[in-house]
N, C-alpha and C. Protein backbone atom coordinates (compact mmCIF):
# COMPACT_ATOMS: atom_id res chain seq x y z
N MET A 1 67.50 52.47 114.44
CA MET A 1 67.45 51.95 113.30
C MET A 1 66.29 50.71 113.18
N LYS A 2 66.31 49.72 114.00
CA LYS A 2 65.39 48.76 113.83
C LYS A 2 63.97 49.65 113.73
N ALA A 3 63.55 50.62 114.45
CA ALA A 3 62.41 51.08 114.52
C ALA A 3 61.90 51.65 113.11
N ALA A 4 62.87 52.19 112.36
CA ALA A 4 62.81 52.92 111.33
C ALA A 4 62.23 52.09 110.36
N LEU A 5 62.97 50.66 110.51
CA LEU A 5 62.91 49.70 109.26
C LEU A 5 61.35 49.15 109.48
N THR A 6 61.25 49.18 110.74
CA THR A 6 59.68 48.54 111.05
C THR A 6 58.88 50.10 110.71
N LEU A 7 59.23 51.32 110.77
CA LEU A 7 57.88 51.80 110.33
C LEU A 7 57.80 51.83 108.83
N ALA A 8 59.02 51.91 108.18
CA ALA A 8 58.93 51.49 106.94
C ALA A 8 58.48 50.50 106.42
N ALA A 9 58.65 49.41 106.82
CA ALA A 9 57.96 48.00 106.49
C ALA A 9 56.38 48.20 106.58
N ALA A 10 56.14 49.07 107.53
CA ALA A 10 54.43 48.93 107.90
C ALA A 10 53.74 50.21 106.67
N ILE A 11 54.57 50.87 106.85
CA ILE A 11 54.19 51.87 105.46
C ILE A 11 54.02 51.72 103.92
N SER A 12 54.86 50.05 104.33
CA SER A 12 55.20 49.63 102.47
C SER A 12 53.70 48.51 102.85
N LEU A 13 53.45 47.96 103.85
CA LEU A 13 52.32 47.08 103.94
C LEU A 13 51.03 47.95 103.65
N CYS A 14 50.92 48.94 104.54
CA CYS A 14 49.68 49.73 103.90
C CYS A 14 49.29 50.36 102.96
N ALA A 15 50.80 50.80 102.43
CA ALA A 15 50.57 51.20 100.62
C ALA A 15 50.22 50.13 99.79
N CYS A 16 50.70 48.73 100.37
CA CYS A 16 50.49 47.45 99.52
C CYS A 16 48.79 47.13 99.46
N SER A 17 48.54 47.23 100.85
CA SER A 17 47.07 47.08 101.04
C SER A 17 45.96 47.79 100.31
N ALA A 18 46.52 49.19 100.20
CA ALA A 18 45.60 50.30 99.57
C ALA A 18 45.42 50.18 98.18
N ASP A 19 46.88 49.65 97.72
CA ASP A 19 46.75 48.92 96.18
C ASP A 19 45.73 48.08 95.92
N GLU A 20 46.01 46.73 96.77
CA GLU A 20 45.10 45.57 96.82
C GLU A 20 43.57 46.03 97.00
N SER A 21 43.12 46.83 97.86
CA SER A 21 41.82 47.10 97.60
C SER A 21 41.19 47.91 96.65
N LYS A 22 42.04 48.64 95.83
CA LYS A 22 41.92 49.78 94.89
C LYS A 22 41.68 48.19 93.70
N LYS A 23 42.25 47.45 93.68
CA LYS A 23 42.22 46.65 92.57
C LYS A 23 41.13 45.59 92.80
N THR A 24 40.12 45.50 93.78
CA THR A 24 39.22 44.54 94.09
C THR A 24 38.02 45.20 94.27
N ALA A 25 38.31 46.68 94.35
CA ALA A 25 37.01 47.34 94.84
C ALA A 25 36.18 47.80 93.35
N MET A 26 34.80 48.10 93.58
CA MET A 26 33.82 48.30 92.89
C MET A 26 34.10 49.46 92.13
N GLU A 27 34.10 49.98 91.00
CA GLU A 27 34.32 51.45 90.74
C GLU A 27 33.44 52.33 90.80
N THR A 28 33.79 53.58 91.43
CA THR A 28 32.51 54.49 91.64
C THR A 28 32.76 55.52 90.72
N ALA A 29 31.87 56.17 90.37
CA ALA A 29 31.99 57.44 89.42
C ALA A 29 30.93 58.79 89.87
N ASP A 30 31.22 59.87 89.56
CA ASP A 30 30.37 61.06 89.75
C ASP A 30 29.45 61.17 88.63
N LYS A 31 29.98 60.86 87.52
CA LYS A 31 29.32 61.12 86.29
C LYS A 31 28.91 59.71 85.47
N ALA A 32 27.76 59.74 84.77
CA ALA A 32 27.40 58.70 84.30
C ALA A 32 27.95 58.46 83.02
N PRO A 33 28.64 57.23 82.57
CA PRO A 33 29.31 57.05 81.34
C PRO A 33 28.30 57.29 80.13
N GLU A 34 28.97 57.52 78.88
CA GLU A 34 28.44 57.45 77.64
C GLU A 34 27.88 55.89 77.22
N GLN A 35 26.87 56.16 76.99
CA GLN A 35 26.30 54.78 76.53
C GLN A 35 26.31 54.10 75.36
N PRO A 36 27.18 52.99 75.01
CA PRO A 36 27.21 52.42 73.76
C PRO A 36 26.36 52.29 72.96
N THR A 37 25.77 52.38 71.75
CA THR A 37 24.64 52.16 71.00
C THR A 37 24.96 51.08 70.24
N GLY A 38 26.22 50.41 69.86
CA GLY A 38 26.45 49.19 69.30
C GLY A 38 27.12 48.21 70.05
N LYS A 39 27.83 47.26 69.47
CA LYS A 39 28.77 46.20 69.96
C LYS A 39 30.02 46.98 70.12
N VAL A 40 30.56 46.90 71.49
CA VAL A 40 31.80 47.13 71.72
C VAL A 40 33.19 46.15 71.84
N GLU A 41 33.80 46.35 70.59
CA GLU A 41 34.84 45.17 70.59
C GLU A 41 36.42 45.75 70.41
N LYS A 42 36.84 44.99 71.20
CA LYS A 42 38.48 45.48 71.36
C LYS A 42 38.99 44.37 71.33
N THR A 43 40.76 44.17 71.28
CA THR A 43 41.20 43.21 71.49
C THR A 43 41.59 43.17 72.97
N ASP A 44 42.46 41.54 72.99
CA ASP A 44 42.89 41.59 74.48
C ASP A 44 43.63 42.57 75.02
N GLU A 45 44.66 42.89 74.42
CA GLU A 45 45.48 44.02 74.78
C GLU A 45 44.77 45.15 75.10
N GLU A 46 43.74 45.85 74.02
CA GLU A 46 43.26 47.00 74.67
C GLU A 46 42.54 46.92 75.80
N TRP A 47 41.93 45.41 76.09
CA TRP A 47 40.95 45.41 77.02
C TRP A 47 41.96 45.33 78.53
N LYS A 48 43.33 44.82 78.55
CA LYS A 48 44.25 44.98 79.52
C LYS A 48 44.46 46.36 80.10
N LYS A 49 44.26 47.39 79.00
CA LYS A 49 44.92 48.73 79.04
C LYS A 49 43.64 49.25 79.99
N ILE A 50 42.32 48.88 79.58
CA ILE A 50 41.57 49.84 80.15
C ILE A 50 40.91 49.22 81.87
N LEU A 51 40.94 48.01 81.53
CA LEU A 51 40.79 47.31 82.88
C LEU A 51 41.71 46.91 83.97
N THR A 52 41.21 46.80 85.14
CA THR A 52 42.59 46.00 86.28
C THR A 52 42.41 44.77 85.80
N PRO A 53 43.95 44.22 86.40
CA PRO A 53 43.99 42.72 86.33
C PRO A 53 42.78 42.15 86.66
N GLU A 54 42.23 42.27 87.90
CA GLU A 54 41.16 41.24 88.46
C GLU A 54 39.62 41.56 87.88
N GLN A 55 39.57 42.93 87.20
CA GLN A 55 38.66 43.30 86.36
C GLN A 55 38.36 42.32 84.60
N TYR A 56 39.68 42.34 84.39
CA TYR A 56 40.08 41.71 82.98
C TYR A 56 39.83 39.93 83.08
N ARG A 57 40.49 39.42 84.50
CA ARG A 57 40.18 37.98 85.02
C ARG A 57 38.86 37.82 84.96
N VAL A 58 37.94 38.70 85.49
CA VAL A 58 36.48 38.29 85.56
C VAL A 58 35.62 38.88 84.25
N LEU A 59 36.02 39.81 83.91
CA LEU A 59 35.08 40.39 82.63
C LEU A 59 35.37 39.39 81.51
N ARG A 60 36.84 39.15 81.35
CA ARG A 60 37.25 38.73 79.67
C ARG A 60 37.81 37.36 79.42
N LYS A 61 37.41 36.66 80.96
CA LYS A 61 37.97 35.25 81.22
C LYS A 61 37.21 34.52 82.11
N SER A 62 36.02 35.27 82.09
CA SER A 62 35.10 34.45 83.09
C SER A 62 35.08 34.04 84.72
N GLY A 63 36.11 34.89 85.18
CA GLY A 63 36.31 34.55 86.48
C GLY A 63 35.37 35.04 87.55
N THR A 64 35.59 34.61 88.56
CA THR A 64 34.65 34.85 89.77
C THR A 64 35.57 35.57 90.75
N GLU A 65 35.02 36.41 91.36
CA GLU A 65 35.78 36.88 92.61
C GLU A 65 35.21 36.59 93.61
N ALA A 66 36.23 36.51 94.73
CA ALA A 66 35.96 35.89 96.22
C ALA A 66 34.38 36.29 96.66
N PRO A 67 33.70 35.68 97.29
CA PRO A 67 32.50 36.25 98.04
C PRO A 67 32.85 36.57 99.23
N ASN A 68 31.79 37.42 99.89
CA ASN A 68 32.14 38.20 100.95
C ASN A 68 33.17 39.30 101.11
N GLY A 69 33.86 39.54 99.92
CA GLY A 69 34.59 40.33 100.01
C GLY A 69 34.68 42.33 100.10
N GLU A 70 35.31 42.93 100.01
CA GLU A 70 35.19 44.10 99.72
C GLU A 70 34.23 45.10 98.96
N VAL A 71 34.16 44.14 98.00
CA VAL A 71 33.53 44.67 96.79
C VAL A 71 31.95 44.59 97.21
N TYR A 72 31.58 43.39 98.12
CA TYR A 72 30.24 43.13 98.55
C TYR A 72 30.22 44.10 99.75
N LYS A 73 31.23 44.02 100.66
CA LYS A 73 30.63 45.00 101.67
C LYS A 73 30.41 46.54 101.19
N GLN A 74 31.08 46.99 100.02
CA GLN A 74 31.11 48.54 99.49
C GLN A 74 29.74 48.18 98.90
N PHE A 75 29.47 47.13 98.18
CA PHE A 75 27.80 47.17 97.36
C PHE A 75 26.56 47.22 98.56
N ASN A 76 26.81 46.81 99.66
CA ASN A 76 26.11 46.97 100.79
C ASN A 76 25.64 48.24 101.48
N LYS A 77 26.59 49.10 101.35
CA LYS A 77 26.44 50.12 101.50
C LYS A 77 25.70 51.31 100.83
N GLN A 78 25.78 50.88 99.62
CA GLN A 78 25.77 52.00 98.50
C GLN A 78 24.35 52.30 98.75
N GLY A 79 23.85 53.64 97.99
CA GLY A 79 22.70 53.94 98.27
C GLY A 79 21.92 53.86 96.98
N GLY A 80 20.96 54.62 96.51
CA GLY A 80 20.51 54.93 95.34
C GLY A 80 21.64 55.08 94.23
N GLY A 81 21.22 54.41 93.05
CA GLY A 81 22.05 54.43 91.93
C GLY A 81 22.29 54.19 90.70
N THR A 82 23.12 53.67 89.96
CA THR A 82 23.01 52.61 88.48
C THR A 82 24.00 52.03 88.71
N TYR A 83 24.00 50.92 88.42
CA TYR A 83 25.27 49.90 87.89
C TYR A 83 25.67 49.93 86.36
N TYR A 84 27.13 50.11 86.12
CA TYR A 84 27.04 50.26 84.63
C TYR A 84 28.14 49.25 84.23
N CYS A 85 28.20 48.31 83.26
CA CYS A 85 29.53 47.24 82.71
C CYS A 85 30.80 48.36 82.98
N ALA A 86 31.89 47.84 83.89
CA ALA A 86 33.19 48.25 83.81
C ALA A 86 33.76 48.21 82.57
N ALA A 87 33.68 47.53 81.82
CA ALA A 87 34.57 47.24 80.68
C ALA A 87 33.84 48.49 79.69
N CYS A 88 32.46 48.35 79.53
CA CYS A 88 32.14 49.61 78.05
C CYS A 88 31.28 50.32 78.65
N GLY A 89 30.85 50.21 79.83
CA GLY A 89 29.55 51.46 80.51
C GLY A 89 28.36 51.33 79.98
N ALA A 90 28.18 50.16 79.64
CA ALA A 90 26.34 50.15 79.41
C ALA A 90 25.81 49.84 80.71
N GLU A 91 24.52 50.31 80.87
CA GLU A 91 23.82 50.57 82.13
C GLU A 91 23.13 49.14 81.96
N LEU A 92 23.32 48.54 83.43
CA LEU A 92 23.00 46.85 83.39
C LEU A 92 21.79 47.06 84.74
N PHE A 93 21.91 47.60 85.76
CA PHE A 93 20.86 47.53 86.90
C PHE A 93 21.12 48.70 87.65
N THR A 94 19.98 48.47 88.39
CA THR A 94 19.82 50.03 89.21
C THR A 94 19.73 49.35 90.69
N SER A 95 19.62 50.34 91.42
CA SER A 95 19.16 50.41 93.23
C SER A 95 18.22 49.72 93.40
N LYS A 96 17.16 50.06 92.21
CA LYS A 96 15.68 49.72 92.53
C LYS A 96 15.16 48.05 92.57
N GLU A 97 16.35 47.70 91.61
CA GLU A 97 16.33 46.11 91.37
C GLU A 97 17.29 45.13 92.26
N LYS A 98 18.21 45.96 93.14
CA LYS A 98 19.35 45.34 94.11
C LYS A 98 18.25 44.91 95.56
N PHE A 99 18.83 43.82 95.90
CA PHE A 99 18.82 43.09 97.23
C PHE A 99 19.87 42.26 97.72
N ASP A 100 19.69 42.41 99.22
CA ASP A 100 20.74 41.63 99.93
C ASP A 100 20.24 40.02 99.94
N SER A 101 20.89 39.15 99.23
CA SER A 101 20.38 37.82 99.08
C SER A 101 21.49 36.80 100.35
N HIS A 102 22.38 37.69 101.00
CA HIS A 102 23.60 37.31 101.32
C HIS A 102 24.24 35.89 101.09
N CYS A 103 24.61 36.09 99.44
CA CYS A 103 25.04 35.11 98.70
C CYS A 103 26.53 35.52 98.94
N GLY A 104 26.80 36.58 99.07
CA GLY A 104 28.36 37.27 99.03
C GLY A 104 28.48 37.70 97.93
N TRP A 105 27.82 37.72 97.16
CA TRP A 105 28.04 38.98 95.83
C TRP A 105 26.86 39.74 95.40
N PRO A 106 27.23 40.89 95.12
CA PRO A 106 25.94 41.69 94.66
C PRO A 106 24.93 41.03 94.23
N SER A 107 23.51 41.39 94.45
CA SER A 107 22.35 40.70 93.84
C SER A 107 21.43 41.56 93.16
N PHE A 108 20.65 40.88 91.85
CA PHE A 108 19.29 42.09 91.71
C PHE A 108 18.55 41.07 91.04
N TYR A 109 17.40 41.52 91.35
CA TYR A 109 16.40 40.72 90.65
C TYR A 109 15.82 40.74 89.17
N ASP A 110 16.13 41.50 88.46
CA ASP A 110 15.87 41.95 87.25
C ASP A 110 16.97 43.14 86.72
N PRO A 111 17.55 42.78 85.24
CA PRO A 111 18.24 43.77 84.82
C PRO A 111 17.47 45.12 84.64
N SER A 112 18.24 46.33 84.73
CA SER A 112 17.34 47.67 84.53
C SER A 112 16.95 48.26 82.76
N LYS A 113 18.42 47.53 81.92
CA LYS A 113 18.29 47.73 81.03
C LYS A 113 18.33 46.10 80.10
N ALA A 114 17.09 45.59 79.90
CA ALA A 114 17.43 43.89 79.61
C ALA A 114 18.09 43.91 78.23
N LYS A 115 18.17 44.81 77.40
CA LYS A 115 18.60 44.85 75.94
C LYS A 115 20.32 44.80 76.51
N ASN A 116 20.82 45.31 77.40
CA ASN A 116 22.00 45.48 77.53
C ASN A 116 22.45 43.76 78.27
N VAL A 117 21.68 42.98 78.46
CA VAL A 117 22.25 42.12 79.11
C VAL A 117 21.81 40.70 78.20
N THR A 118 22.66 39.75 78.14
CA THR A 118 22.27 38.53 77.54
C THR A 118 22.58 36.92 78.48
N THR A 119 21.86 35.91 78.21
CA THR A 119 22.38 34.79 79.10
C THR A 119 22.45 33.22 78.02
N LYS A 120 23.30 32.94 78.72
CA LYS A 120 23.68 31.51 78.17
C LYS A 120 23.69 30.34 79.00
N ASP A 121 23.87 29.15 78.61
CA ASP A 121 23.82 28.02 79.35
C ASP A 121 25.61 27.95 79.30
N ASP A 122 25.62 27.50 80.90
CA ASP A 122 27.15 27.30 81.29
C ASP A 122 27.26 26.20 82.06
N TYR A 123 28.20 25.13 81.65
CA TYR A 123 28.47 24.19 81.98
C TYR A 123 29.75 24.13 82.58
N SER A 124 30.45 25.11 82.71
CA SER A 124 31.93 25.10 83.27
C SER A 124 31.82 24.58 84.54
N GLY A 125 31.15 24.97 85.51
CA GLY A 125 31.02 24.36 86.95
C GLY A 125 30.49 22.77 87.08
N GLY A 126 30.59 21.95 86.17
CA GLY A 126 30.29 21.19 86.28
C GLY A 126 28.61 20.53 86.40
N THR A 127 27.93 21.85 86.45
CA THR A 127 26.48 21.64 86.38
C THR A 127 25.69 22.91 85.64
N LEU A 128 24.97 22.72 85.26
CA LEU A 128 24.31 23.85 84.28
C LEU A 128 24.07 24.93 85.26
N ARG A 129 24.33 25.74 84.82
CA ARG A 129 23.96 27.29 85.52
C ARG A 129 23.73 27.89 84.04
N THR A 130 23.23 29.53 84.32
CA THR A 130 22.49 30.34 83.18
C THR A 130 23.79 31.82 83.67
N GLU A 131 24.54 31.96 82.75
CA GLU A 131 25.67 32.59 82.62
C GLU A 131 25.37 34.16 82.31
N VAL A 132 25.56 35.23 82.81
CA VAL A 132 24.87 36.34 82.50
C VAL A 132 25.97 37.29 81.85
N ASN A 133 25.82 37.81 80.70
CA ASN A 133 27.20 38.68 80.12
C ASN A 133 26.53 39.96 79.13
N CYS A 134 27.31 41.11 79.65
CA CYS A 134 26.97 42.51 78.94
C CYS A 134 26.95 41.82 77.25
N ALA A 135 25.42 42.44 76.91
CA ALA A 135 25.37 42.57 75.87
C ALA A 135 26.26 43.37 74.84
N LYS A 136 26.45 44.48 75.02
CA LYS A 136 27.66 45.27 74.64
C LYS A 136 28.74 45.08 74.30
N CYS A 137 29.30 44.38 75.35
CA CYS A 137 31.09 43.82 75.21
C CYS A 137 31.17 42.27 75.03
N GLY A 138 30.27 41.77 75.66
CA GLY A 138 30.68 40.39 75.85
C GLY A 138 31.00 39.78 77.25
N GLY A 139 31.35 40.85 78.04
CA GLY A 139 31.91 40.61 79.37
C GLY A 139 31.05 39.98 80.22
N HIS A 140 31.61 38.76 81.14
CA HIS A 140 31.24 37.97 81.98
C HIS A 140 30.68 38.74 83.07
N LEU A 141 29.91 38.81 83.56
CA LEU A 141 29.33 39.59 84.64
C LEU A 141 28.79 38.48 85.88
N GLY A 142 28.57 37.38 85.73
CA GLY A 142 28.33 36.35 86.78
C GLY A 142 26.76 35.54 86.13
N HIS A 143 25.82 34.86 87.00
CA HIS A 143 25.07 34.21 86.40
C HIS A 143 23.79 34.62 87.34
N VAL A 144 22.61 33.93 86.63
CA VAL A 144 21.28 34.10 86.89
C VAL A 144 20.58 32.88 87.69
N PHE A 145 20.12 33.01 88.66
CA PHE A 145 19.34 31.84 89.43
C PHE A 145 18.22 31.95 89.49
N LYS A 146 17.27 30.93 89.30
CA LYS A 146 15.41 30.90 89.43
C LYS A 146 14.92 30.38 90.30
N GLY A 147 13.96 30.69 90.93
CA GLY A 147 13.16 29.84 91.57
C GLY A 147 13.61 29.45 93.42
N GLU A 148 14.72 30.25 93.42
CA GLU A 148 15.30 30.14 95.03
C GLU A 148 14.35 30.67 95.91
N GLY A 149 13.20 31.27 95.64
CA GLY A 149 12.04 31.43 96.64
C GLY A 149 12.44 32.94 97.53
N PHE A 150 12.86 33.49 97.01
CA PHE A 150 13.34 35.19 97.46
C PHE A 150 11.90 35.87 97.20
N ASP A 151 11.86 36.86 98.08
CA ASP A 151 10.37 37.66 97.79
C ASP A 151 10.93 38.51 97.34
N THR A 152 10.84 38.36 95.71
CA THR A 152 11.28 39.86 94.97
C THR A 152 10.08 39.45 93.78
N PRO A 153 9.98 40.48 92.89
CA PRO A 153 8.90 40.34 91.86
C PRO A 153 9.27 39.10 90.74
N THR A 154 10.58 38.83 90.69
CA THR A 154 10.99 38.05 89.89
C THR A 154 11.42 36.47 90.30
N ASP A 155 11.50 36.64 91.26
CA ASP A 155 12.15 34.99 91.76
C ASP A 155 13.36 34.98 91.27
N GLN A 156 14.37 35.71 90.70
CA GLN A 156 15.55 35.47 90.36
C GLN A 156 16.47 36.00 90.91
N ARG A 157 17.57 35.79 91.31
CA ARG A 157 18.68 36.47 91.58
C ARG A 157 20.13 36.35 90.53
N TYR A 158 20.36 37.67 90.08
CA TYR A 158 21.35 37.82 89.23
C TYR A 158 22.63 38.03 90.06
N CYS A 159 23.42 37.22 90.72
CA CYS A 159 24.65 37.01 91.25
C CYS A 159 25.64 37.61 90.40
N ILE A 160 26.06 38.73 90.77
CA ILE A 160 26.93 39.14 89.78
C ILE A 160 28.43 39.62 90.54
N ASN A 161 29.34 39.81 89.68
CA ASN A 161 30.55 40.35 90.31
C ASN A 161 30.93 41.56 90.29
N GLY A 162 31.13 41.92 91.72
CA GLY A 162 31.18 43.61 91.57
C GLY A 162 31.94 44.43 91.25
N VAL A 163 33.54 43.60 90.75
CA VAL A 163 34.38 44.26 90.20
C VAL A 163 33.91 44.61 88.65
N ALA A 164 32.86 43.97 88.19
CA ALA A 164 32.47 43.74 86.80
C ALA A 164 31.54 45.29 86.45
N LEU A 165 31.19 45.99 87.70
CA LEU A 165 30.26 47.05 87.47
C LEU A 165 31.03 48.21 87.90
N LYS A 166 30.19 49.51 87.56
CA LYS A 166 30.73 50.55 87.74
C LYS A 166 29.61 51.50 88.55
N PHE A 167 29.52 51.80 89.70
CA PHE A 167 28.37 52.34 90.43
C PHE A 167 28.48 53.89 90.36
N VAL A 168 27.15 54.41 89.91
CA VAL A 168 27.07 56.22 89.76
C VAL A 168 25.91 56.45 90.48
N PRO A 169 26.33 57.09 91.51
CA PRO A 169 25.01 57.48 92.62
C PRO A 169 24.06 58.06 92.06
N ASP A 170 22.75 58.32 92.66
CA ASP A 170 21.28 59.10 91.87
C ASP A 170 21.63 60.58 91.40
N ASN A 171 22.49 60.75 92.29
CA ASN A 171 22.79 62.56 92.20
C ASN A 171 24.18 62.67 91.22
N ALA A 172 24.39 61.92 90.74
CA ALA A 172 25.50 62.11 89.60
C ALA A 172 24.88 62.36 88.31
N GLU A 173 25.73 63.41 87.45
CA GLU A 173 25.45 63.84 86.23
C GLU A 173 25.32 62.99 85.42
N LYS A 174 24.54 62.92 84.42
CA LYS A 174 23.61 61.77 83.55
C LYS A 174 24.42 61.99 82.24
N ALA A 175 24.63 61.06 81.41
CA ALA A 175 25.53 61.60 80.41
C ALA A 175 24.52 60.86 79.18
N PRO A 176 24.60 61.45 78.09
CA PRO A 176 23.51 60.98 76.80
C PRO A 176 24.26 60.13 76.03
N GLU A 177 23.39 59.25 75.25
CA GLU A 177 23.87 57.87 74.45
C GLU A 177 24.91 58.57 73.53
N LYS A 178 25.89 57.46 73.01
CA LYS A 178 26.64 57.98 72.25
C LYS A 178 26.35 58.06 70.79
N ALA A 179 26.15 58.70 70.18
CA ALA A 179 25.73 58.73 69.05
C ALA A 179 26.28 57.49 67.88
N PRO A 180 25.58 57.10 67.11
CA PRO A 180 26.04 55.46 66.16
C PRO A 180 27.26 56.18 65.45
N GLU A 181 28.41 55.44 65.17
CA GLU A 181 29.51 55.51 64.70
C GLU A 181 29.18 55.49 63.02
N LYS A 182 29.51 56.41 62.26
CA LYS A 182 29.52 56.27 60.63
C LYS A 182 30.29 55.53 60.16
N LYS A 183 30.16 54.79 59.41
CA LYS A 183 30.68 53.78 58.45
C LYS A 183 31.03 54.55 57.09
């Protein structure tokens, strides 16, 4: 009986661990998402329905994922591909701009689609930083740092929360841009 309980507890623990890693993993898709052409606006309740709790905390409440976690390990193993906003699907970065800054979060030296990324001053950490947001849905992606001496074309480090991204490998099917909505 005791062995059966121990086995049941072990299975339960493994299931919980698998669920936890799904919650904190970067999404990967085999097809590029349809690209939004205008602003993507949803209520908090609508965002909560389509995002995991961790994605919601990071993207909608300007949270930060833990450094050096599973998402970072996953990011470092990914090959060529494109990174999209996990909330609205806008293209943000590609593996061409990716580099390992050893900071514990996914790093890029420039966005692939500059029109899909905005920046603003952020004083929330007690010092001035530059926050990076998705221009289409306003989701918090992370921060950009300049002048750190990285051997990249821009000497910038876009330090991005991996749960805010959806990765699509280079060999995946491309999606067309979404047609503008009629009013």
